[in-house]
Amino acid sequence: MRSLFNRVFFAGTRSWLWLVVLILALDQWTKQLITARFTEFESVVIFSVLDIMRLHNTGAAFSFLSSASGWQRWFFIILAFGVSIGILVWLWRLPPRGKNILAAGLCCVMGGALGNVIDRILLGHVVDFIRLHYGAWYFPVFNVADSAITVGAGLLILDSLLQPRKQN
């Protein structure tokens, strides 16, 4: 059993691509659940600091460029595909062993980017639905893909901090 675990999760950097598929599936499944059960702006309180609220975002993080005239949709689609291709090349060039944190981080970023690009292509906007707040403070509404991108960025930072410093 341990051998199977090691082959699936630590067989090499390219083996982390399963994480992209998992993120895509979870992201699209949760967005489908939300769109089937909520109208835009409808919300329900889950905890005192967490709501589920369906919003449509035509921009990027924190609704950046959401008020633009529509060109941003295609810009973000091209950007997401470009980043994903770059990540695939980066993964392909990584050594087969020893870079699991980096590979997992890259796959999280790619899965999140592709999850949101699917929405942009099919709907013209991204479906966001997780709203965190405390008192009068509200964090911008986000989704599973955004969470994966954030976790991926954190793993990339962690990987860079754990790398030994090169001597000049």
N, C-alpha and C. Protein backbone atom coordinates (compact mmCIF):
# COMPACT_ATOMS: atom_id res chain seq x y z
N MET A 1 0.83 -1.19 0.00
CA MET A 1 0.00 0.00 0.00
C MET A 1 0.87 1.25 0.00
N ARG A 2 1.92 1.25 0.79
CA ARG A 2 2.81 2.40 0.86
C ARG A 2 3.47 2.63 -0.50
N SER A 3 3.81 1.56 -1.21
CA SER A 3 4.41 1.69 -2.53
C SER A 3 3.45 2.36 -3.51
N LEU A 4 2.18 2.00 -3.47
CA LEU A 4 1.19 2.63 -4.34
C LEU A 4 1.07 4.11 -4.01
N PHE A 5 1.01 4.44 -2.71
CA PHE A 5 0.95 5.83 -2.28
C PHE A 5 2.14 6.62 -2.83
N ASN A 6 3.33 6.06 -2.69
CA ASN A 6 4.53 6.74 -3.17
C ASN A 6 4.52 6.91 -4.68
N ARG A 7 4.03 5.90 -5.41
CA ARG A 7 3.98 6.01 -6.87
C ARG A 7 2.99 7.07 -7.32
N VAL A 8 1.85 7.17 -6.64
CA VAL A 8 0.82 8.13 -7.04
C VAL A 8 1.24 9.56 -6.68
N PHE A 9 1.75 9.76 -5.46
CA PHE A 9 1.99 11.11 -4.98
C PHE A 9 3.43 11.58 -5.10
N PHE A 10 4.38 10.69 -5.24
CA PHE A 10 5.77 11.10 -5.27
C PHE A 10 6.55 10.45 -6.40
N ALA A 11 5.88 10.11 -7.48
CA ALA A 11 6.53 9.43 -8.59
C ALA A 11 7.33 10.37 -9.47
N GLY A 12 7.20 11.63 -9.26
CA GLY A 12 7.90 12.62 -10.07
C GLY A 12 7.04 13.85 -10.23
N THR A 13 7.65 14.90 -10.69
CA THR A 13 6.96 16.18 -10.75
C THR A 13 5.77 16.17 -11.70
N ARG A 14 5.88 15.47 -12.82
CA ARG A 14 4.77 15.45 -13.78
C ARG A 14 3.58 14.66 -13.27
N SER A 15 3.81 13.80 -12.30
CA SER A 15 2.70 13.02 -11.76
C SER A 15 1.72 13.89 -10.96
N TRP A 16 2.08 15.12 -10.67
CA TRP A 16 1.19 16.02 -9.95
C TRP A 16 0.08 16.57 -10.83
N LEU A 17 0.06 16.25 -12.10
CA LEU A 17 -0.99 16.76 -12.99
C LEU A 17 -2.39 16.27 -12.60
N TRP A 18 -2.48 15.17 -11.85
CA TRP A 18 -3.77 14.71 -11.34
C TRP A 18 -4.44 15.80 -10.51
N LEU A 19 -3.62 16.65 -9.86
CA LEU A 19 -4.15 17.71 -9.02
C LEU A 19 -4.89 18.76 -9.86
N VAL A 20 -4.42 19.01 -11.07
CA VAL A 20 -5.12 19.93 -11.98
C VAL A 20 -6.52 19.40 -12.26
N VAL A 21 -6.61 18.12 -12.58
CA VAL A 21 -7.91 17.51 -12.90
C VAL A 21 -8.84 17.55 -11.68
N LEU A 22 -8.31 17.27 -10.50
CA LEU A 22 -9.10 17.30 -9.27
C LEU A 22 -9.64 18.71 -9.00
N ILE A 23 -8.79 19.71 -9.14
CA ILE A 23 -9.21 21.09 -8.91
C ILE A 23 -10.27 21.50 -9.93
N LEU A 24 -10.05 21.16 -11.19
CA LEU A 24 -11.04 21.48 -12.23
C LEU A 24 -12.39 20.84 -11.91
N ALA A 25 -12.38 19.57 -11.55
CA ALA A 25 -13.63 18.86 -11.27
C ALA A 25 -14.34 19.47 -10.05
N LEU A 26 -13.61 19.71 -8.98
CA LEU A 26 -14.21 20.28 -7.77
C LEU A 26 -14.73 21.69 -8.03
N ASP A 27 -13.95 22.48 -8.75
CA ASP A 27 -14.35 23.85 -9.06
C ASP A 27 -15.62 23.88 -9.89
N GLN A 28 -15.65 23.12 -10.97
CA GLN A 28 -16.83 23.13 -11.85
C GLN A 28 -18.05 22.51 -11.17
N TRP A 29 -17.84 21.49 -10.36
CA TRP A 29 -18.94 20.87 -9.64
C TRP A 29 -19.57 21.85 -8.66
N THR A 30 -18.74 22.56 -7.86
CA THR A 30 -19.27 23.50 -6.88
C THR A 30 -19.98 24.67 -7.58
N LYS A 31 -19.42 25.15 -8.67
CA LYS A 31 -20.06 26.24 -9.41
C LYS A 31 -21.40 25.80 -9.99
N GLN A 32 -21.48 24.55 -10.45
CA GLN A 32 -22.74 24.03 -10.98
C GLN A 32 -23.77 23.95 -9.86
N LEU A 33 -23.36 23.50 -8.68
CA LEU A 33 -24.28 23.44 -7.54
C LEU A 33 -24.82 24.83 -7.19
N ILE A 34 -23.94 25.80 -7.17
CA ILE A 34 -24.33 27.16 -6.81
C ILE A 34 -25.28 27.74 -7.85
N THR A 35 -24.95 27.61 -9.13
CA THR A 35 -25.82 28.19 -10.18
C THR A 35 -27.17 27.48 -10.25
N ALA A 36 -27.23 26.22 -9.86
CA ALA A 36 -28.50 25.49 -9.87
C ALA A 36 -29.39 25.88 -8.68
N ARG A 37 -28.79 26.36 -7.61
CA ARG A 37 -29.56 26.59 -6.39
C ARG A 37 -29.71 28.06 -5.99
N PHE A 38 -28.90 28.93 -6.55
CA PHE A 38 -28.92 30.34 -6.16
C PHE A 38 -29.08 31.23 -7.39
N THR A 39 -29.80 32.32 -7.22
CA THR A 39 -29.79 33.37 -8.24
C THR A 39 -28.65 34.32 -7.89
N GLU A 40 -28.25 35.14 -8.86
CA GLU A 40 -27.17 36.08 -8.58
C GLU A 40 -27.57 36.99 -7.42
N PHE A 41 -26.64 37.21 -6.52
CA PHE A 41 -26.77 38.03 -5.30
C PHE A 41 -27.53 37.33 -4.18
N GLU A 42 -28.10 36.17 -4.41
CA GLU A 42 -28.77 35.43 -3.35
C GLU A 42 -27.70 34.85 -2.43
N SER A 43 -27.98 34.84 -1.12
CA SER A 43 -26.99 34.32 -0.19
C SER A 43 -27.65 33.57 0.96
N VAL A 44 -26.85 32.77 1.62
CA VAL A 44 -27.28 32.05 2.82
C VAL A 44 -26.10 32.06 3.79
N VAL A 45 -26.40 32.27 5.06
CA VAL A 45 -25.38 32.28 6.11
C VAL A 45 -25.06 30.85 6.51
N ILE A 46 -23.79 30.51 6.49
CA ILE A 46 -23.33 29.18 6.92
C ILE A 46 -22.82 29.26 8.35
N PHE A 47 -21.92 30.18 8.62
CA PHE A 47 -21.41 30.49 9.95
C PHE A 47 -21.44 32.00 10.11
N SER A 48 -21.15 32.48 11.28
CA SER A 48 -21.18 33.93 11.51
C SER A 48 -20.14 34.68 10.68
N VAL A 49 -19.16 33.96 10.15
CA VAL A 49 -18.12 34.60 9.33
C VAL A 49 -18.10 34.10 7.89
N LEU A 50 -19.05 33.22 7.52
CA LEU A 50 -19.05 32.61 6.20
C LEU A 50 -20.45 32.58 5.61
N ASP A 51 -20.57 33.13 4.41
CA ASP A 51 -21.81 33.07 3.64
C ASP A 51 -21.53 32.39 2.32
N ILE A 52 -22.57 31.81 1.74
CA ILE A 52 -22.53 31.39 0.35
C ILE A 52 -23.35 32.43 -0.40
N MET A 53 -22.74 33.11 -1.36
CA MET A 53 -23.40 34.17 -2.11
C MET A 53 -22.96 34.11 -3.56
N ARG A 54 -23.91 33.91 -4.45
CA ARG A 54 -23.58 33.81 -5.88
C ARG A 54 -23.38 35.20 -6.47
N LEU A 55 -22.18 35.39 -7.03
CA LEU A 55 -21.85 36.61 -7.75
C LEU A 55 -21.22 36.26 -9.08
N HIS A 56 -21.33 37.15 -10.04
CA HIS A 56 -20.68 36.98 -11.35
C HIS A 56 -19.61 38.04 -11.47
N ASN A 57 -18.39 37.60 -11.74
CA ASN A 57 -17.24 38.51 -11.83
C ASN A 57 -16.71 38.51 -13.25
N THR A 58 -16.80 39.64 -13.94
CA THR A 58 -16.26 39.74 -15.29
C THR A 58 -14.81 40.18 -15.27
N GLY A 59 -14.30 40.53 -14.10
CA GLY A 59 -12.92 40.97 -13.98
C GLY A 59 -12.02 39.86 -13.46
N ALA A 60 -10.95 40.28 -12.83
CA ALA A 60 -10.00 39.33 -12.24
C ALA A 60 -10.12 39.42 -10.72
N ALA A 61 -9.07 39.08 -10.02
CA ALA A 61 -9.08 39.12 -8.56
C ALA A 61 -9.53 40.49 -8.06
N PHE A 62 -10.37 40.48 -7.03
CA PHE A 62 -10.91 41.69 -6.43
C PHE A 62 -11.67 42.53 -7.45
N SER A 63 -12.25 41.87 -8.47
CA SER A 63 -13.04 42.50 -9.55
C SER A 63 -12.22 43.48 -10.39
N PHE A 64 -10.91 43.30 -10.42
CA PHE A 64 -10.03 44.14 -11.23
C PHE A 64 -10.48 44.08 -12.69
N LEU A 65 -10.70 45.22 -13.30
CA LEU A 65 -11.14 45.39 -14.69
C LEU A 65 -12.57 44.93 -14.95
N SER A 66 -13.36 44.73 -13.91
CA SER A 66 -14.73 44.24 -14.13
C SER A 66 -15.61 45.27 -14.83
N SER A 67 -15.26 46.53 -14.75
CA SER A 67 -16.08 47.56 -15.40
C SER A 67 -15.57 47.90 -16.80
N ALA A 68 -14.59 47.16 -17.30
CA ALA A 68 -14.10 47.39 -18.67
C ALA A 68 -15.17 46.99 -19.68
N SER A 69 -14.96 47.32 -20.92
CA SER A 69 -16.00 47.18 -21.95
C SER A 69 -16.20 45.77 -22.49
N GLY A 70 -15.47 44.78 -22.02
CA GLY A 70 -15.64 43.41 -22.49
C GLY A 70 -14.37 42.79 -23.03
N TRP A 71 -13.40 43.61 -23.36
CA TRP A 71 -12.14 43.09 -23.89
C TRP A 71 -11.41 42.25 -22.85
N GLN A 72 -11.66 42.52 -21.55
CA GLN A 72 -10.95 41.82 -20.48
C GLN A 72 -11.25 40.32 -20.47
N ARG A 73 -12.43 39.93 -20.95
CA ARG A 73 -12.78 38.51 -21.00
C ARG A 73 -11.74 37.76 -21.83
N TRP A 74 -11.48 38.25 -23.02
CA TRP A 74 -10.54 37.58 -23.93
C TRP A 74 -9.11 37.73 -23.45
N PHE A 75 -8.80 38.85 -22.82
CA PHE A 75 -7.46 39.05 -22.26
C PHE A 75 -7.19 38.00 -21.19
N PHE A 76 -8.15 37.78 -20.27
CA PHE A 76 -7.96 36.81 -19.20
C PHE A 76 -7.96 35.37 -19.72
N ILE A 77 -8.71 35.09 -20.76
CA ILE A 77 -8.69 33.76 -21.37
C ILE A 77 -7.32 33.48 -21.96
N ILE A 78 -6.80 34.41 -22.74
CA ILE A 78 -5.47 34.25 -23.35
C ILE A 78 -4.40 34.16 -22.27
N LEU A 79 -4.51 35.01 -21.24
CA LEU A 79 -3.54 34.99 -20.15
C LEU A 79 -3.54 33.64 -19.43
N ALA A 80 -4.72 33.10 -19.13
CA ALA A 80 -4.80 31.82 -18.43
C ALA A 80 -4.21 30.69 -19.26
N PHE A 81 -4.50 30.68 -20.57
CA PHE A 81 -3.91 29.65 -21.42
C PHE A 81 -2.39 29.82 -21.51
N GLY A 82 -1.93 31.05 -21.61
CA GLY A 82 -0.48 31.30 -21.66
C GLY A 82 0.22 30.84 -20.39
N VAL A 83 -0.37 31.17 -19.25
CA VAL A 83 0.20 30.75 -17.96
C VAL A 83 0.19 29.23 -17.86
N SER A 84 -0.88 28.59 -18.29
CA SER A 84 -0.97 27.12 -18.23
C SER A 84 0.07 26.45 -19.11
N ILE A 85 0.28 26.99 -20.29
CA ILE A 85 1.32 26.44 -21.17
C ILE A 85 2.70 26.63 -20.54
N GLY A 86 2.92 27.80 -19.98
CA GLY A 86 4.19 28.06 -19.29
C GLY A 86 4.42 27.10 -18.13
N ILE A 87 3.37 26.82 -17.37
CA ILE A 87 3.48 25.88 -16.26
C ILE A 87 3.77 24.48 -16.76
N LEU A 88 3.11 24.06 -17.84
CA LEU A 88 3.40 22.73 -18.40
C LEU A 88 4.86 22.60 -18.82
N VAL A 89 5.39 23.63 -19.46
CA VAL A 89 6.79 23.63 -19.88
C VAL A 89 7.68 23.56 -18.64
N TRP A 90 7.36 24.36 -17.62
CA TRP A 90 8.13 24.38 -16.38
C TRP A 90 8.11 22.99 -15.73
N LEU A 91 6.93 22.37 -15.64
CA LEU A 91 6.84 21.03 -15.06
C LEU A 91 7.66 20.02 -15.85
N TRP A 92 7.59 20.12 -17.18
CA TRP A 92 8.32 19.19 -18.04
C TRP A 92 9.83 19.29 -17.81
N ARG A 93 10.30 20.50 -17.51
CA ARG A 93 11.75 20.72 -17.34
C ARG A 93 12.25 20.45 -15.93
N LEU A 94 11.34 20.26 -15.00
CA LEU A 94 11.77 19.97 -13.63
C LEU A 94 12.39 18.58 -13.56
N PRO A 95 13.34 18.40 -12.64
CA PRO A 95 13.86 17.05 -12.45
C PRO A 95 12.75 16.14 -11.94
N PRO A 96 12.81 14.85 -12.27
CA PRO A 96 11.72 13.94 -11.90
C PRO A 96 11.57 13.74 -10.39
N ARG A 97 12.55 14.08 -9.61
CA ARG A 97 12.49 13.89 -8.16
C ARG A 97 12.92 15.17 -7.44
N GLY A 98 12.37 15.36 -6.24
CA GLY A 98 12.86 16.39 -5.35
C GLY A 98 12.20 17.75 -5.47
N LYS A 99 11.23 17.92 -6.33
CA LYS A 99 10.59 19.22 -6.51
C LYS A 99 9.08 19.11 -6.34
N ASN A 100 8.63 18.30 -5.39
CA ASN A 100 7.20 18.04 -5.23
C ASN A 100 6.42 19.25 -4.76
N ILE A 101 6.97 20.07 -3.87
CA ILE A 101 6.26 21.26 -3.42
C ILE A 101 6.07 22.23 -4.58
N LEU A 102 7.12 22.43 -5.35
CA LEU A 102 7.04 23.30 -6.53
C LEU A 102 6.03 22.76 -7.54
N ALA A 103 6.09 21.48 -7.82
CA ALA A 103 5.18 20.87 -8.79
C ALA A 103 3.72 20.96 -8.32
N ALA A 104 3.48 20.70 -7.05
CA ALA A 104 2.12 20.79 -6.51
C ALA A 104 1.61 22.23 -6.59
N GLY A 105 2.47 23.19 -6.28
CA GLY A 105 2.08 24.60 -6.36
C GLY A 105 1.75 25.01 -7.78
N LEU A 106 2.58 24.60 -8.73
CA LEU A 106 2.33 24.93 -10.13
C LEU A 106 1.01 24.31 -10.61
N CYS A 107 0.75 23.08 -10.20
CA CYS A 107 -0.49 22.41 -10.62
C CYS A 107 -1.72 23.07 -9.97
N CYS A 108 -1.61 23.55 -8.75
CA CYS A 108 -2.72 24.28 -8.13
C CYS A 108 -3.02 25.56 -8.89
N VAL A 109 -1.98 26.30 -9.24
CA VAL A 109 -2.17 27.53 -10.01
C VAL A 109 -2.81 27.23 -11.36
N MET A 110 -2.31 26.21 -12.04
CA MET A 110 -2.85 25.86 -13.35
C MET A 110 -4.30 25.39 -13.24
N GLY A 111 -4.61 24.55 -12.27
CA GLY A 111 -5.98 24.09 -12.10
C GLY A 111 -6.94 25.24 -11.82
N GLY A 112 -6.53 26.17 -10.98
CA GLY A 112 -7.36 27.32 -10.69
C GLY A 112 -7.55 28.22 -11.89
N ALA A 113 -6.47 28.48 -12.61
CA ALA A 113 -6.56 29.33 -13.80
C ALA A 113 -7.49 28.71 -14.84
N LEU A 114 -7.35 27.42 -15.07
CA LEU A 114 -8.21 26.75 -16.06
C LEU A 114 -9.66 26.65 -15.58
N GLY A 115 -9.87 26.49 -14.28
CA GLY A 115 -11.23 26.47 -13.75
C GLY A 115 -11.97 27.76 -14.03
N ASN A 116 -11.29 28.89 -13.82
CA ASN A 116 -11.93 30.17 -14.09
C ASN A 116 -12.04 30.46 -15.58
N VAL A 117 -11.10 29.97 -16.38
CA VAL A 117 -11.17 30.23 -17.82
C VAL A 117 -12.34 29.46 -18.45
N ILE A 118 -12.68 28.31 -17.90
CA ILE A 118 -13.85 27.58 -18.39
C ILE A 118 -15.10 28.45 -18.23
N ASP A 119 -15.24 29.10 -17.07
CA ASP A 119 -16.38 30.00 -16.85
C ASP A 119 -16.36 31.15 -17.85
N ARG A 120 -15.19 31.75 -18.04
CA ARG A 120 -15.10 32.89 -18.96
C ARG A 120 -15.51 32.50 -20.38
N ILE A 121 -15.08 31.32 -20.82
CA ILE A 121 -15.41 30.87 -22.17
C ILE A 121 -16.90 30.57 -22.29
N LEU A 122 -17.44 29.80 -21.34
CA LEU A 122 -18.83 29.35 -21.43
C LEU A 122 -19.86 30.39 -21.02
N LEU A 123 -19.52 31.22 -20.02
CA LEU A 123 -20.50 32.12 -19.43
C LEU A 123 -20.20 33.61 -19.67
N GLY A 124 -18.94 33.93 -19.94
CA GLY A 124 -18.56 35.33 -20.08
C GLY A 124 -18.21 35.98 -18.76
N HIS A 125 -18.29 35.24 -17.67
CA HIS A 125 -17.94 35.71 -16.33
C HIS A 125 -17.54 34.51 -15.47
N VAL A 126 -16.98 34.81 -14.32
CA VAL A 126 -16.61 33.77 -13.36
C VAL A 126 -17.65 33.75 -12.25
N VAL A 127 -18.07 32.56 -11.87
CA VAL A 127 -19.02 32.40 -10.77
C VAL A 127 -18.23 32.34 -9.46
N ASP A 128 -18.47 33.31 -8.58
CA ASP A 128 -17.87 33.33 -7.24
C ASP A 128 -18.98 33.10 -6.23
N PHE A 129 -18.63 32.50 -5.07
CA PHE A 129 -19.70 32.18 -4.13
C PHE A 129 -19.28 32.07 -2.67
N ILE A 130 -18.00 32.13 -2.35
CA ILE A 130 -17.56 32.00 -0.95
C ILE A 130 -17.30 33.42 -0.43
N ARG A 131 -18.04 33.81 0.61
CA ARG A 131 -17.89 35.16 1.16
C ARG A 131 -17.52 35.07 2.63
N LEU A 132 -16.33 35.55 2.95
CA LEU A 132 -15.85 35.61 4.32
C LEU A 132 -16.00 37.03 4.84
N HIS A 133 -16.38 37.15 6.12
CA HIS A 133 -16.56 38.49 6.70
C HIS A 133 -16.43 38.40 8.21
N TYR A 134 -16.14 39.54 8.78
CA TYR A 134 -16.09 39.66 10.23
C TYR A 134 -16.60 41.05 10.58
N GLY A 135 -17.70 41.11 11.29
CA GLY A 135 -18.30 42.41 11.59
C GLY A 135 -18.66 43.12 10.30
N ALA A 136 -18.15 44.34 10.13
CA ALA A 136 -18.44 45.13 8.93
C ALA A 136 -17.41 44.89 7.83
N TRP A 137 -16.39 44.04 8.08
CA TRP A 137 -15.34 43.79 7.10
C TRP A 137 -15.72 42.59 6.23
N TYR A 138 -15.62 42.76 4.92
CA TYR A 138 -15.94 41.70 3.98
C TYR A 138 -14.76 41.47 3.04
N PHE A 139 -14.34 40.22 2.93
CA PHE A 139 -13.32 39.85 1.94
C PHE A 139 -14.03 39.67 0.60
N PRO A 140 -13.39 40.00 -0.53
CA PRO A 140 -14.06 39.79 -1.82
C PRO A 140 -14.48 38.33 -2.01
N VAL A 141 -15.64 38.14 -2.61
CA VAL A 141 -16.19 36.80 -2.83
C VAL A 141 -15.28 36.03 -3.80
N PHE A 142 -15.09 34.74 -3.54
CA PHE A 142 -14.17 33.93 -4.34
C PHE A 142 -14.75 32.54 -4.55
N ASN A 143 -13.98 31.66 -5.19
CA ASN A 143 -14.46 30.31 -5.50
C ASN A 143 -13.33 29.29 -5.27
N VAL A 144 -13.58 28.04 -5.62
CA VAL A 144 -12.59 26.98 -5.43
C VAL A 144 -11.34 27.24 -6.28
N ALA A 145 -11.53 27.69 -7.52
CA ALA A 145 -10.38 27.97 -8.40
C ALA A 145 -9.49 29.05 -7.80
N ASP A 146 -10.10 30.11 -7.28
CA ASP A 146 -9.33 31.18 -6.64
C ASP A 146 -8.57 30.65 -5.43
N SER A 147 -9.21 29.77 -4.67
CA SER A 147 -8.55 29.17 -3.51
C SER A 147 -7.34 28.34 -3.94
N ALA A 148 -7.49 27.58 -5.03
CA ALA A 148 -6.39 26.76 -5.53
C ALA A 148 -5.22 27.64 -5.98
N ILE A 149 -5.52 28.75 -6.64
CA ILE A 149 -4.46 29.66 -7.06
C ILE A 149 -3.72 30.21 -5.84
N THR A 150 -4.47 30.57 -4.80
CA THR A 150 -3.85 31.10 -3.58
C THR A 150 -2.99 30.05 -2.89
N VAL A 151 -3.50 28.84 -2.77
CA VAL A 151 -2.71 27.75 -2.17
C VAL A 151 -1.47 27.49 -3.02
N GLY A 152 -1.63 27.47 -4.34
CA GLY A 152 -0.49 27.26 -5.24
C GLY A 152 0.56 28.33 -5.07
N ALA A 153 0.14 29.59 -4.98
CA ALA A 153 1.10 30.68 -4.78
C ALA A 153 1.83 30.50 -3.45
N GLY A 154 1.10 30.08 -2.41
CA GLY A 154 1.73 29.83 -1.12
C GLY A 154 2.76 28.71 -1.20
N LEU A 155 2.44 27.65 -1.94
CA LEU A 155 3.40 26.56 -2.11
C LEU A 155 4.63 27.00 -2.90
N LEU A 156 4.45 27.86 -3.88
CA LEU A 156 5.59 28.38 -4.64
C LEU A 156 6.50 29.21 -3.74
N ILE A 157 5.89 30.02 -2.87
CA ILE A 157 6.69 30.81 -1.92
C ILE A 157 7.41 29.89 -0.95
N LEU A 158 6.69 28.89 -0.42
CA LEU A 158 7.30 27.93 0.50
C LEU A 158 8.47 27.22 -0.16
N ASP A 159 8.29 26.78 -1.40
CA ASP A 159 9.37 26.11 -2.11
C ASP A 159 10.59 27.01 -2.25
N SER A 160 10.36 28.28 -2.56
CA SER A 160 11.50 29.20 -2.72
C SER A 160 12.21 29.44 -1.39
N LEU A 161 11.46 29.43 -0.29
CA LEU A 161 12.07 29.62 1.03
C LEU A 161 12.85 28.40 1.49
N LEU A 162 12.42 27.21 1.03
CA LEU A 162 13.09 25.98 1.46
C LEU A 162 14.30 25.63 0.59
N GLN A 163 14.47 26.32 -0.51
CA GLN A 163 15.59 26.02 -1.39
C GLN A 163 16.90 26.52 -0.78
N PRO A 164 17.95 25.72 -0.83
CA PRO A 164 19.23 26.19 -0.31
C PRO A 164 19.73 27.34 -1.17
N ARG A 165 20.38 28.28 -0.51
CA ARG A 165 20.92 29.45 -1.22
C ARG A 165 22.16 29.03 -2.02
N LYS A 166 22.22 29.53 -3.26
CA LYS A 166 23.39 29.22 -4.10
C LYS A 166 24.53 30.17 -3.76
N GLN A 167 25.73 29.62 -3.72
CA GLN A 167 26.92 30.44 -3.50
C GLN A 167 27.36 31.05 -4.81
N ASN A 168 27.76 32.32 -4.79
CA ASN A 168 28.27 32.97 -6.02
C ASN A 168 29.70 32.58 -6.26
